[in-house]
Protein backbone atom coordinates (compact mmCIF):
# COMPACT_ATOMS: atom_id res chain seq x y z
CA MET A 1 -38.69 31.04 75.36
CA PRO A 2 -38.57 34.08 76.45
CA LYS A 3 -35.69 36.67 75.15
CA SER A 4 -32.13 36.76 75.29
CA LYS A 5 -30.47 39.94 77.09
CA SER A 6 -28.30 40.89 74.18
CA LYS A 7 -30.68 40.84 71.43
CA ARG A 8 -32.92 44.03 73.34
CA ARG A 9 -33.60 46.84 72.71
CA ARG A 10 -31.93 49.42 74.67
CA PRO A 11 -32.07 52.82 75.37
CA GLN A 12 -31.54 55.02 73.47
CA PRO A 13 -30.42 58.44 75.02
CA PRO A 14 -31.60 62.22 74.07
CA PRO A 15 -29.74 62.97 70.76
CA LYS A 16 -27.36 65.80 70.90
CA PRO A 17 -28.50 69.33 70.37
CA LYS A 18 -27.27 71.46 67.75
CA PRO A 19 -25.46 74.90 68.42
CA LYS A 20 -26.86 77.78 67.23
CA LYS A 21 -25.48 79.45 64.00
CA SER A 22 -23.63 82.41 65.02
CA PRO A 23 -24.81 85.58 62.77
CA PRO A 24 -22.41 86.68 59.32
CA TRP A 25 -20.84 89.28 60.99
CA VAL A 26 -19.04 86.83 63.10
CA GLY A 27 -17.05 85.97 60.61
CA ALA A 28 -16.37 89.48 59.07
CA LEU A 29 -14.89 90.30 62.16
CA PHE A 30 -12.82 88.28 62.17
CA PHE A 31 -10.82 88.24 59.73
CA VAL A 32 -10.85 92.03 58.95
CA LEU A 33 -9.13 92.07 62.49
CA LEU A 34 -6.96 89.34 61.62
CA GLY A 35 -5.36 91.25 58.46
CA LEU A 36 -5.69 94.31 60.22
CA GLY A 37 -3.60 92.80 62.28
CA VAL A 38 -0.77 91.52 60.37
CA ALA A 39 -1.08 94.78 57.87
CA VAL A 40 -0.03 96.94 61.56
CA ILE A 41 2.95 94.70 61.66
CA ILE A 42 3.98 94.77 58.08
CA LEU A 43 3.20 98.13 57.78
CA ASN A 44 5.61 99.27 61.48
CA TYR A 45 8.13 96.94 59.43
CA LEU A 46 8.48 98.93 56.14
CA SER A 47 8.54 101.85 58.29
CA LEU A 48 4.80 103.13 57.13
CA VAL A 49 3.12 104.18 60.57
CA PRO A 50 3.05 107.52 61.75
CA GLY A 51 5.21 107.64 64.32
CA GLY A 52 8.25 106.02 63.43
CA THR A 53 8.67 103.02 64.26
CA ARG A 54 7.38 101.44 67.44
CA PRO A 55 7.19 98.24 69.82
CA VAL A 56 3.79 99.73 70.77
CA ASN A 57 3.12 99.05 67.63
CA LEU A 58 3.88 95.43 67.40
CA PHE A 59 1.57 94.31 70.28
CA ILE A 60 -1.38 96.27 68.91
CA GLY A 61 -0.73 94.22 65.38
CA LEU A 62 -0.24 91.09 67.85
CA GLY A 63 -3.77 92.67 69.98
CA LEU A 64 -5.90 93.01 66.45
CA MET A 65 -4.87 88.80 65.99
CA ALA A 66 -4.92 87.69 69.34
CA ALA A 67 -8.61 89.32 69.55
CA ALA A 68 -9.08 87.37 65.94
CA PHE A 69 -8.68 84.43 67.72
CA VAL A 70 -10.68 85.21 70.09
CA VAL A 71 -13.72 85.81 67.93
CA ALA A 72 -12.87 82.92 66.15
CA THR A 73 -14.07 80.52 69.06
CA ARG A 74 -17.07 82.40 68.72
CA TRP A 75 -17.57 80.92 64.61
CA HIS A 76 -19.91 78.13 64.72
């Protein structure tokens, strides 16, 4: 008697390769950039940045934080 089609073994696709593990400096760089960005913004609001409070300091802080999130996309 022939086997039914539902009980036949179906071919399995090969497993997907795992992504390579990131070097340890990627995680450290993420936290350093994020911390520096927050520190620049806080120091600007407290008027502890040389040159007084300027909007450019806020953009520098936000840029550092954005760079941290770009680095975070490379972290596996």
